PDB file of N, CA and C in Angstrom:
ATOM      1  N   MET A   1      -4.618 -35.993   0.142  1.00  0.00           N
ATOM      2  CA  MET A   1      -3.965 -35.655   0.695  1.00  0.00           C
ATOM      3  C   MET A   1      -2.765 -35.604   1.121  1.00  0.00           C
ATOM      4  N   VAL A   2      -1.434 -35.436   0.103  1.00  0.00           N
ATOM      5  CA  VAL A   2      -0.241 -35.961   0.884  1.00  0.00           C
ATOM      6  C   VAL A   2       0.024 -35.555   2.160  1.00  0.00           C
ATOM      7  N   ALA A   3       0.012 -36.363   3.337  1.00  0.00           N
ATOM      8  CA  ALA A   3       0.303 -35.571   4.641  1.00  0.00           C
ATOM      9  C   ALA A   3       2.068 -34.949   4.636  1.00  0.00           C
ATOM     10  N   ILE A   4       1.887 -33.857   5.264  1.00  0.00           N
ATOM     11  CA  ILE A   4       3.297 -33.235   5.449  1.00  0.00           C
ATOM     12  C   ILE A   4       4.412 -33.506   5.610  1.00  0.00           C
ATOM     13  N   SER A   5       5.612 -34.030   5.529  1.00  0.00           N
ATOM     14  CA  SER A   5       6.930 -34.632   5.789  1.00  0.00           C
ATOM     15  C   SER A   5       7.428 -34.169   6.547  1.00  0.00           C
ATOM     16  N   ARG A   6       8.520 -35.122   7.500  1.00  0.00           N
ATOM     17  CA  ARG A   6       9.252 -33.966   8.514  1.00  0.00           C
ATOM     18  C   ARG A   6       9.626 -33.363   8.206  1.00  0.00           C
ATOM     19  N   GLU A   7       9.928 -33.409   6.456  1.00  0.00           N
ATOM     20  CA  GLU A   7      11.432 -32.744   6.099  1.00  0.00           C
ATOM     21  C   GLU A   7      10.551 -31.032   6.331  1.00  0.00           C
ATOM     22  N   GLU A   8       9.318 -31.525   5.646  1.00  0.00           N
ATOM     23  CA  GLU A   8       8.936 -30.106   5.154  1.00  0.00           C
ATOM     24  C   GLU A   8       8.673 -28.690   6.208  1.00  0.00           C
ATOM     25  N   VAL A   9       8.517 -29.811   7.405  1.00  0.00           N
ATOM     26  CA  VAL A   9       8.529 -28.988   8.846  1.00  0.00           C
ATOM     27  C   VAL A   9       9.468 -28.539   9.096  1.00  0.00           C
ATOM     28  N   ALA A  10      10.518 -29.312   9.298  1.00  0.00           N
ATOM     29  CA  ALA A  10      12.743 -29.134   9.511  1.00  0.00           C
ATOM     30  C   ALA A  10      11.706 -28.129   8.405  1.00  0.00           C
ATOM     31  N   HIS A  11      11.922 -27.451   7.069  1.00  0.00           N
ATOM     32  CA  HIS A  11      12.772 -26.615   6.828  1.00  0.00           C
ATOM     33  C   HIS A  11      11.443 -25.121   6.821  1.00  0.00           C
ATOM     34  N   LEU A  12      10.598 -25.445   7.224  1.00  0.00           N
ATOM     35  CA  LEU A  12       9.756 -24.551   7.621  1.00  0.00           C
ATOM     36  C   LEU A  12      10.103 -24.461   9.034  1.00  0.00           C
ATOM     37  N   ALA A  13      10.668 -24.414  10.186  1.00  0.00           N
ATOM     38  CA  ALA A  13      11.694 -24.305  11.267  1.00  0.00           C
ATOM     39  C   ALA A  13      12.506 -23.886  10.932  1.00  0.00           C
ATOM     40  N   ARG A  14      13.760 -24.130  10.254  1.00  0.00           N
ATOM     41  CA  ARG A  14      14.274 -23.668   9.475  1.00  0.00           C
ATOM     42  C   ARG A  14      14.353 -22.379   9.339  1.00  0.00           C
ATOM     43  N   LEU A  15      13.126 -21.372   8.168  1.00  0.00           N
ATOM     44  CA  LEU A  15      12.735 -20.311   7.628  1.00  0.00           C
ATOM     45  C   LEU A  15      12.080 -19.857   8.773  1.00  0.00           C
ATOM     46  N   SER A  16      11.713 -19.982   9.951  1.00  0.00           N
ATOM     47  CA  SER A  16      11.258 -19.432  11.000  1.00  0.00           C
ATOM     48  C   SER A  16      12.386 -19.049  11.754  1.00  0.00           C
ATOM     49  N   ARG A  17      13.230 -19.598  11.473  1.00  0.00           N
ATOM     50  CA  ARG A  17      14.663 -19.715  12.694  1.00  0.00           C
ATOM     51  C   ARG A  17      13.783 -20.324  14.210  1.00  0.00           C
ATOM     52  N   LEU A  18      13.278 -21.713  13.875  1.00  0.00           N
ATOM     53  CA  LEU A  18      12.938 -22.291  15.257  1.00  0.00           C
ATOM     54  C   LEU A  18      14.044 -23.305  15.405  1.00  0.00           C
ATOM     55  N   ALA A  19      14.196 -23.655  16.851  1.00  0.00           N
ATOM     56  CA  ALA A  19      14.966 -24.483  17.300  1.00  0.00           C
ATOM     57  C   ALA A  19      13.709 -26.265  17.865  1.00  0.00           C
ATOM     58  N   VAL A  20      14.049 -26.782  16.908  1.00  0.00           N
ATOM     59  CA  VAL A  20      12.633 -27.825  16.732  1.00  0.00           C
ATOM     60  C   VAL A  20      13.752 -29.199  17.330  1.00  0.00           C
ATOM     61  N   SER A  21      13.458 -29.953  17.870  1.00  0.00           N
ATOM     62  CA  SER A  21      13.652 -31.264  18.554  1.00  0.00           C
ATOM     63  C   SER A  21      12.859 -32.549  17.319  1.00  0.00           C
ATOM     64  N   GLU A  22      13.580 -33.550  17.481  1.00  0.00           N
ATOM     65  CA  GLU A  22      13.209 -34.714  16.423  1.00  0.00           C
ATOM     66  C   GLU A  22      11.679 -35.328  16.828  1.00  0.00           C
ATOM     67  N   GLU A  23      11.558 -34.883  18.415  1.00  0.00           N
ATOM     68  CA  GLU A  23      10.139 -35.643  18.751  1.00  0.00           C
ATOM     69  C   GLU A  23       9.110 -34.955  18.189  1.00  0.00           C
ATOM     70  N   GLU A  24      10.011 -33.441  18.149  1.00  0.00           N
ATOM     71  CA  GLU A  24       8.742 -31.701  17.906  1.00  0.00           C
ATOM     72  C   GLU A  24       8.140 -32.087  16.619  1.00  0.00           C
ATOM     73  N   LEU A  25       9.648 -31.776  16.109  1.00  0.00           N
ATOM     74  CA  LEU A  25       8.718 -32.485  13.901  1.00  0.00           C
ATOM     75  C   LEU A  25       8.175 -33.729  13.551  1.00  0.00           C
ATOM     76  N   ASP A  26       7.702 -34.376  14.882  1.00  0.00           N
ATOM     77  CA  ASP A  26       6.397 -35.872  14.598  1.00  0.00           C
ATOM     78  C   ASP A  26       5.731 -35.213  14.527  1.00  0.00           C
ATOM     79  N   THR A  27       5.386 -34.338  15.988  1.00  0.00           N
ATOM     80  CA  THR A  27       4.624 -33.756  16.593  1.00  0.00           C
ATOM     81  C   THR A  27       3.554 -32.959  16.011  1.00  0.00           C
ATOM     82  N   PHE A  28       4.094 -31.808  15.327  1.00  0.00           N
ATOM     83  CA  PHE A  28       4.329 -30.842  14.735  1.00  0.00           C
ATOM     84  C   PHE A  28       3.751 -31.441  13.027  1.00  0.00           C
ATOM     85  N   ALA A  29       4.469 -32.166  12.459  1.00  0.00           N
ATOM     86  CA  ALA A  29       4.090 -32.611  10.938  1.00  0.00           C
ATOM     87  C   ALA A  29       2.609 -33.178  10.983  1.00  0.00           C
ATOM     88  N   GLY A  30       1.988 -34.343  12.512  1.00  0.00           N
ATOM     89  CA  GLY A  30       0.955 -34.325  12.459  1.00  0.00           C
ATOM     90  C   GLY A  30      -0.234 -33.263  12.579  1.00  0.00           C
ATOM     91  N   GLN A  31       0.141 -32.508  13.256  1.00  0.00           N
ATOM     92  CA  GLN A  31      -0.747 -30.959  13.889  1.00  0.00           C
ATOM     93  C   GLN A  31      -1.016 -30.259  12.414  1.00  0.00           C
ATOM     94  N   LEU A  32       0.282 -29.921  11.513  1.00  0.00           N
ATOM     95  CA  LEU A  32       0.060 -29.653  10.677  1.00  0.00           C
ATOM     96  C   LEU A  32      -1.037 -29.856   9.564  1.00  0.00           C
ATOM     97  N   ASP A  33      -0.618 -31.247   9.238  1.00  0.00           N
ATOM     98  CA  ASP A  33      -1.648 -32.012   8.740  1.00  0.00           C
ATOM     99  C   ASP A  33      -2.687 -31.910   8.696  1.00  0.00           C
ATOM    100  N   VAL A  34      -3.510 -31.980   9.832  1.00  0.00           N
ATOM    101  CA  VAL A  34      -4.340 -31.660  10.317  1.00  0.00           C
ATOM    102  C   VAL A  34      -5.380 -30.479   9.835  1.00  0.00           C
ATOM    103  N   ILE A  35      -4.474 -29.409  10.176  1.00  0.00           N
ATOM    104  CA  ILE A  35      -5.006 -28.212  10.035  1.00  0.00           C
ATOM    105  C   ILE A  35      -4.794 -27.833   8.490  1.00  0.00           C
ATOM    106  N   LEU A  36      -4.143 -28.636   7.672  1.00  0.00           N
ATOM    107  CA  LEU A  36      -3.501 -28.295   5.980  1.00  0.00           C
ATOM    108  C   LEU A  36      -5.389 -29.208   5.490  1.00  0.00           C
ATOM    109  N   GLN A  37      -5.139 -29.998   6.775  1.00  0.00           N
ATOM    110  CA  GLN A  37      -6.446 -31.155   5.574  1.00  0.00           C
ATOM    111  C   GLN A  37      -8.344 -30.430   6.272  1.00  0.00           C
ATOM    112  N   ALA A  38      -8.357 -29.481   7.135  1.00  0.00           N
ATOM    113  CA  ALA A  38      -9.409 -28.959   7.730  1.00  0.00           C
ATOM    114  C   ALA A  38      -9.583 -27.739   6.515  1.00  0.00           C
ATOM    115  N   VAL A  39      -8.055 -26.928   6.376  1.00  0.00           N
ATOM    116  CA  VAL A  39      -8.011 -26.125   5.266  1.00  0.00           C
ATOM    117  C   VAL A  39      -8.682 -26.304   3.699  1.00  0.00           C
ATOM    118  N   ALA A  40      -8.786 -27.610   3.500  1.00  0.00           N
ATOM    119  CA  ALA A  40      -9.048 -28.094   2.422  1.00  0.00           C
ATOM    120  C   ALA A  40     -10.680 -28.105   2.278  1.00  0.00           C
ATOM    121  N   GLN A  41     -10.920 -28.726   3.788  1.00  0.00           N
ATOM    122  CA  GLN A  41     -12.661 -29.284   3.451  1.00  0.00           C
ATOM    123  C   GLN A  41     -13.030 -27.417   2.727  1.00  0.00           C
ATOM    124  N   VAL A  42     -12.603 -26.587   3.504  1.00  0.00           N
ATOM    125  CA  VAL A  42     -13.367 -25.878   3.549  1.00  0.00           C
ATOM    126  C   VAL A  42     -13.353 -24.957   2.509  1.00  0.00           C
ATOM    127  N   GLY A  43     -11.898 -25.436   1.923  1.00  0.00           N
ATOM    128  CA  GLY A  43     -11.918 -24.931  -0.409  1.00  0.00           C
ATOM    129  C   GLY A  43     -13.274 -25.982  -0.591  1.00  0.00           C
ATOM    130  N   GLU A  44     -13.511 -27.210  -0.482  1.00  0.00           N
ATOM    131  CA  GLU A  44     -14.761 -27.795  -1.179  1.00  0.00           C
ATOM    132  C   GLU A  44     -15.775 -27.559  -0.573  1.00  0.00           C
ATOM    133  N   VAL A  45     -16.129 -27.099   0.225  1.00  0.00           N
ATOM    134  CA  VAL A  45     -17.216 -26.406   1.161  1.00  0.00           C
ATOM    135  C   VAL A  45     -17.316 -25.367  -0.140  1.00  0.00           C
ATOM    136  N   ALA A  46     -16.829 -24.298  -0.453  1.00  0.00           N
ATOM    137  CA  ALA A  46     -17.554 -22.912  -0.931  1.00  0.00           C
ATOM    138  C   ALA A  46     -17.670 -22.736  -2.298  1.00  0.00           C
ATOM    139  N   ALA A  47     -18.923 -22.115  -2.291  1.00  0.00           N
ATOM    140  CA  ALA A  47     -19.705 -21.996  -3.704  1.00  0.00           C
ATOM    141  C   ALA A  47     -19.665 -21.267  -4.332  1.00  0.00           C
ATOM    142  N   ASP A  48     -19.052 -21.394  -5.814  1.00  0.00           N
ATOM    143  CA  ASP A  48     -18.898 -20.345  -6.784  1.00  0.00           C
ATOM    144  C   ASP A  48     -20.161 -19.108  -6.429  1.00  0.00           C
ATOM    145  N   ASP A  49     -21.397 -18.797  -5.980  1.00  0.00           N
ATOM    146  CA  ASP A  49     -22.403 -18.382  -6.629  1.00  0.00           C
ATOM    147  C   ASP A  49     -22.494 -17.417  -5.244  1.00  0.00           C
ATOM    148  N   ILE A  50     -21.781 -17.712  -3.901  1.00  0.00           N
ATOM    149  CA  ILE A  50     -21.352 -16.807  -2.710  1.00  0.00           C
ATOM    150  C   ILE A  50     -20.023 -16.203  -3.687  1.00  0.00           C
ATOM    151  N   PRO A  51     -19.988 -14.637  -3.054  1.00  0.00           N
ATOM    152  CA  PRO A  51     -18.919 -13.961  -3.336  1.00  0.00           C
ATOM    153  C   PRO A  51     -18.028 -14.271  -2.082  1.00  0.00           C
ATOM    154  N   PRO A  52     -16.544 -13.471  -2.530  1.00  0.00           N
ATOM    155  CA  PRO A  52     -15.766 -13.873  -1.532  1.00  0.00           C
ATOM    156  C   PRO A  52     -16.580 -12.113  -0.280  1.00  0.00           C
ATOM    157  N   THR A  53     -16.020 -12.767   1.350  1.00  0.00           N
ATOM    158  CA  THR A  53     -16.607 -12.082   2.043  1.00  0.00           C
ATOM    159  C   THR A  53     -15.384 -11.041   2.611  1.00  0.00           C
ATOM    160  N   SER A  54     -14.431 -10.568   3.371  1.00  0.00           N
ATOM    161  CA  SER A  54     -13.896 -10.385   4.353  1.00  0.00           C
ATOM    162  C   SER A  54     -14.378 -10.588   5.898  1.00  0.00           C
ATOM    163  N   HIS A  55     -15.842  -9.774   5.810  1.00  0.00           N
ATOM    164  CA  HIS A  55     -16.362  -9.827   7.415  1.00  0.00           C
ATOM    165  C   HIS A  55     -18.158 -10.494   6.974  1.00  0.00           C
ATOM    166  N   SER A  56     -18.570 -11.274   7.911  1.00  0.00           N
ATOM    167  CA  SER A  56     -19.735 -11.923   7.319  1.00  0.00           C
ATOM    168  C   SER A  56     -21.313 -10.692   7.663  1.00  0.00           C
ATOM    169  N   VAL A  57     -20.825  -9.482   8.395  1.00  0.00           N
ATOM    170  CA  VAL A  57     -21.696  -8.135   8.123  1.00  0.00           C
ATOM    171  C   VAL A  57     -21.254  -7.237   7.105  1.00  0.00           C
ATOM    172  N   PRO A  58     -21.967  -6.732   6.756  1.00  0.00           N
ATOM    173  CA  PRO A  58     -21.314  -5.069   6.222  1.00  0.00           C
ATOM    174  C   PRO A  58     -20.399  -3.985   7.200  1.00  0.00           C
ATOM    175  N   LEU A  59     -19.839  -3.583   7.210  1.00  0.00           N
ATOM    176  CA  LEU A  59     -18.555  -2.767   7.812  1.00  0.00           C
ATOM    177  C   LEU A  59     -19.242  -1.152   7.328  1.00  0.00           C
ATOM    178  N   THR A  60     -19.372  -0.439   8.267  1.00  0.00           N
ATOM    179  CA  THR A  60     -19.039   1.436   7.987  1.00  0.00           C
ATOM    180  C   THR A  60     -17.930   1.754   8.461  1.00  0.00           C
ATOM    181  N   ASN A  61     -16.932   2.796   7.607  1.00  0.00           N
ATOM    182  CA  ASN A  61     -15.992   3.393   8.479  1.00  0.00           C
ATOM    183  C   ASN A  61     -17.157   4.392   9.500  1.00  0.00           C
ATOM    184  N   VAL A  62     -16.579   4.004  10.570  1.00  0.00           N
ATOM    185  CA  VAL A  62     -16.549   5.110  11.678  1.00  0.00           C
ATOM    186  C   VAL A  62     -15.559   6.451  11.676  1.00  0.00           C
ATOM    187  N   LEU A  63     -14.449   6.223  11.233  1.00  0.00           N
ATOM    188  CA  LEU A  63     -13.541   7.121  11.221  1.00  0.00           C
ATOM    189  C   LEU A  63     -13.503   8.021  11.200  1.00  0.00           C
ATOM    190  N   ARG A  64     -13.310   9.710  11.384  1.00  0.00           N
ATOM    191  CA  ARG A  64     -14.126  11.184  10.713  1.00  0.00           C
ATOM    192  C   ARG A  64     -13.112  11.458   9.479  1.00  0.00           C
ATOM    193  N   GLU A  65     -13.415  12.081   8.984  1.00  0.00           N
ATOM    194  CA  GLU A  65     -12.300  12.876   7.716  1.00  0.00           C
ATOM    195  C   GLU A  65     -11.518  13.198   7.279  1.00  0.00           C
ATOM    196  N   ASP A  66     -10.616  12.545   7.093  1.00  0.00           N
ATOM    197  CA  ASP A  66      -9.366  13.609   7.520  1.00  0.00           C
ATOM    198  C   ASP A  66      -9.291  15.260   6.864  1.00  0.00           C
ATOM    199  N   VAL A  67      -9.347  15.838   7.486  1.00  0.00           N
ATOM    200  CA  VAL A  67      -9.257  17.527   7.397  1.00  0.00           C
ATOM    201  C   VAL A  67      -7.958  17.703   7.657  1.00  0.00           C
ATOM    202  N   VAL A  68      -6.896  19.095   6.880  1.00  0.00           N
ATOM    203  CA  VAL A  68      -5.895  19.601   6.988  1.00  0.00           C
ATOM    204  C   VAL A  68      -6.406  20.567   8.020  1.00  0.00           C
ATOM    205  N   THR A  69      -5.659  20.413   8.866  1.00  0.00           N
ATOM    206  CA  THR A  69      -5.720  21.739   9.650  1.00  0.00           C
ATOM    207  C   THR A  69      -4.229  22.595  10.376  1.00  0.00           C
ATOM    208  N   PRO A  70      -4.363  23.872  10.488  1.00  0.00           N
ATOM    209  CA  PRO A  70      -3.262  24.405  10.339  1.00  0.00           C
ATOM    210  C   PRO A  70      -2.231  23.661  12.012  1.00  0.00           C
ATOM    211  N   GLY A  71      -0.897  22.964  11.906  1.00  0.00           N
ATOM    212  CA  GLY A  71      -0.205  23.060  12.974  1.00  0.00           C
ATOM    213  C   GLY A  71       0.671  24.053  14.139  1.00  0.00           C
ATOM    214  N   LEU A  72       1.192  23.880  14.781  1.00  0.00           N
ATOM    215  CA  LEU A  72       2.219  24.714  15.674  1.00  0.00           C
ATOM    216  C   LEU A  72       3.526  24.812  15.207  1.00  0.00           C
ATOM    217  N   THR A  73       3.754  26.315  15.155  1.00  0.00           N
ATOM    218  CA  THR A  73       4.565  26.679  14.743  1.00  0.00           C
ATOM    219  C   THR A  73       5.709  26.235  15.140  1.00  0.00           C
ATOM    220  N   PRO A  74       7.205  25.714  15.305  1.00  0.00           N
ATOM    221  CA  PRO A  74       8.087  25.388  15.927  1.00  0.00           C
ATOM    222  C   PRO A  74       7.952  26.375  16.938  1.00  0.00           C
ATOM    223  N   GLU A  75       8.244  27.277  17.321  1.00  0.00           N
ATOM    224  CA  GLU A  75       8.342  28.150  18.244  1.00  0.00           C
ATOM    225  C   GLU A  75       7.475  28.310  18.714  1.00  0.00           C
ATOM    226  N   GLU A  76       6.107  28.071  18.505  1.00  0.00           N
ATOM    227  CA  GLU A  76       4.788  27.477  19.910  1.00  0.00           C
ATOM    228  C   GLU A  76       4.774  26.043  19.786  1.00  0.00           C
ATOM    229  N   ALA A  77       5.711  25.270  19.697  1.00  0.00           N
ATOM    230  CA  ALA A  77       5.545  24.003  19.727  1.00  0.00           C
ATOM    231  C   ALA A  77       6.813  23.690  20.923  1.00  0.00           C
ATOM    232  N   LEU A  78       7.830  24.426  20.453  1.00  0.00           N
ATOM    233  CA  LEU A  78       9.026  24.381  22.102  1.00  0.00           C
ATOM    234  C   LEU A  78       8.609  25.772  23.344  1.00  0.00           C
ATOM    235  N   SER A  79       7.610  25.847  23.069  1.00  0.00           N
ATOM    236  CA  SER A  79       7.485  27.505  23.761  1.00  0.00           C
ATOM    237  C   SER A  79       7.272  26.665  25.434  1.00  0.00           C
ATOM    238  N   GLY A  80       6.822  26.213  25.461  1.00  0.00           N
ATOM    239  CA  GLY A  80       7.097  24.809  27.439  1.00  0.00           C
ATOM    240  C   GLY A  80       8.119  23.812  27.301  1.00  0.00           C
ATOM    241  N   ALA A  81       9.039  23.933  26.438  1.00  0.00           N
ATOM    242  CA  ALA A  81      10.371  23.026  26.771  1.00  0.00           C
ATOM    243  C   ALA A  81      10.927  23.243  27.513  1.00  0.00           C
ATOM    244  N   PRO A  82      11.414  22.567  28.853  1.00  0.00           N
ATOM    245  CA  PRO A  82      12.761  22.859  29.554  1.00  0.00           C
ATOM    246  C   PRO A  82      13.789  23.778  28.414  1.00  0.00           C
ATOM    247  N   ASP A  83      13.909  23.450  27.856  1.00  0.00           N
ATOM    248  CA  ASP A  83      15.281  23.320  27.187  1.00  0.00           C
ATOM    249  C   ASP A  83      15.414  23.249  25.570  1.00  0.00           C
ATOM    250  N   ALA A  84      15.353  24.054  24.665  1.00  0.00           N
ATOM    251  CA  ALA A  84      15.911  23.571  23.475  1.00  0.00           C
ATOM    252  C   ALA A  84      16.522  23.938  22.247  1.00  0.00           C
ATOM    253  N   GLU A  85      17.206  23.382  21.331  1.00  0.00           N
ATOM    254  CA  GLU A  85      18.614  23.939  20.658  1.00  0.00           C
ATOM    255  C   GLU A  85      18.023  23.669  19.069  1.00  0.00           C
ATOM    256  N   GLU A  86      17.702  24.337  18.202  1.00  0.00           N
ATOM    257  CA  GLU A  86      18.337  24.448  16.915  1.00  0.00           C
ATOM    258  C   GLU A  86      16.845  24.104  16.430  1.00  0.00           C
ATOM    259  N   GLN A  87      15.535  24.912  17.575  1.00  0.00           N
ATOM    260  CA  GLN A  87      13.754  24.506  17.090  1.00  0.00           C
ATOM    261  C   GLN A  87      13.920  23.073  17.389  1.00  0.00           C
ATOM    262  N   ARG A  88      14.755  22.608  17.888  1.00  0.00           N
ATOM    263  CA  ARG A  88      14.359  20.336  19.021  1.00  0.00           C
ATOM    264  C   ARG A  88      14.365  21.030  20.574  1.00  0.00           C
ATOM    265  N   PHE A  89      14.244  19.695  20.548  1.00  0.00           N
ATOM    266  CA  PHE A  89      13.952  19.723  22.253  1.00  0.00           C
ATOM    267  C   PHE A  89      14.963  19.599  22.732  1.00  0.00           C
ATOM    268  N   ARG A  90      14.974  19.466  23.723  1.00  0.00           N
ATOM    269  CA  ARG A  90      16.945  19.169  24.269  1.00  0.00           C
ATOM    270  C   ARG A  90      16.542  18.134  25.451  1.00  0.00           C
ATOM    271  N   VAL A  91      17.307  17.318  25.105  1.00  0.00           N
ATOM    272  CA  VAL A  91      17.289  15.921  26.156  1.00  0.00           C
ATOM    273  C   VAL A  91      18.888  15.930  26.704  1.00  0.00           C
ATOM    274  N   PRO A  92      18.298  15.613  28.561  1.00  0.00           N
ATOM    275  CA  PRO A  92      19.484  15.164  28.953  1.00  0.00           C
ATOM    276  C   PRO A  92      20.209  13.858  27.924  1.00  0.00           C
ATOM    277  N   ARG A  93      21.680  13.386  27.832  1.00  0.00           N
ATOM    278  CA  ARG A  93      21.843  12.731  27.823  1.00  0.00           C
ATOM    279  C   ARG A  93      21.606  11.377  28.322  1.00  0.00           C
ATOM    280  N   ILE A  94      21.528   9.915  27.849  1.00  0.00           N
ATOM    281  CA  ILE A  94      20.799   9.178  29.138  1.00  0.00           C
ATOM    282  C   ILE A  94      22.000   7.835  29.179  1.00  0.00           C
ATOM    283  N   LEU A  95      22.430   7.763  27.709  1.00  0.00           N
ATOM    284  CA  LEU A  95      23.567   6.529  27.142  1.00  0.00           C
ATOM    285  C   LEU A  95      24.875   7.114  27.110  1.00  0.00           C
ATOM    286  N   ASP A  96      25.593   6.682  27.628  1.00  0.00           N
ATOM    287  CA  ASP A  96      27.288   6.741  27.326  1.00  0.00           C
ATOM    288  C   ASP A  96      27.545   6.835  26.097  1.00  0.00           C
ATOM    289  N   GLU A  97      28.435   7.391  25.944  1.00  0.00           N
ATOM    290  CA  GLU A  97      29.561   7.032  24.036  1.00  0.00           C
ATOM    291  C   GLU A  97      29.668   5.286  24.125  1.00  0.00           C
ATOM    292  N   ASP A  98      29.986   4.987  24.617  1.00  0.00           N
ATOM    293  CA  ASP A  98      30.451   3.594  24.717  1.00  0.00           C
ATOM    294  C   ASP A  98      29.318   2.442  24.458  1.00  0.00           C
ATOM    295  N   VAL A  99      28.546   3.046  25.341  1.00  0.00           N
ATOM    296  CA  VAL A  99      27.163   1.791  25.347  1.00  0.00           C
ATOM    297  C   VAL A  99      26.114   2.124  23.956  1.00  0.00           C
ATOM    298  N   ALA A 100      25.785   3.182  23.527  1.00  0.00           N
ATOM    299  CA  ALA A 100      25.737   3.037  22.435  1.00  0.00           C
ATOM    300  C   ALA A 100      26.384   2.750  21.147  1.00  0.00           C
ATOM    301  N   SER A 101      27.355   3.050  20.780  1.00  0.00           N
ATOM    302  CA  SER A 101      28.328   2.497  19.698  1.00  0.00           C
ATOM    303  C   SER A 101      27.526   0.444  19.628  1.00  0.00           C
TER     304      SER A 101
END
């Protein structure tokens, strides 16, 4: 397998918007090369007779079924609100106009 180059690491850093020093380029190139070699080894071990899986043990969905139930009317939802306007909760302004723009 061909080692990953400093230029490829620099390209990945630019894509990731990471500031990387010249020294880090060499360090990361070596580290990424080790990772890519490990991934290649796993690919060599995978046998054709073993089906791909996402988990080593079967999983079952423990969540409840989605059941549509009636919700609150706007009046019921706003009944405990300290202030409402046009079927919306009214809250005090916390930002000045010039800050929000």
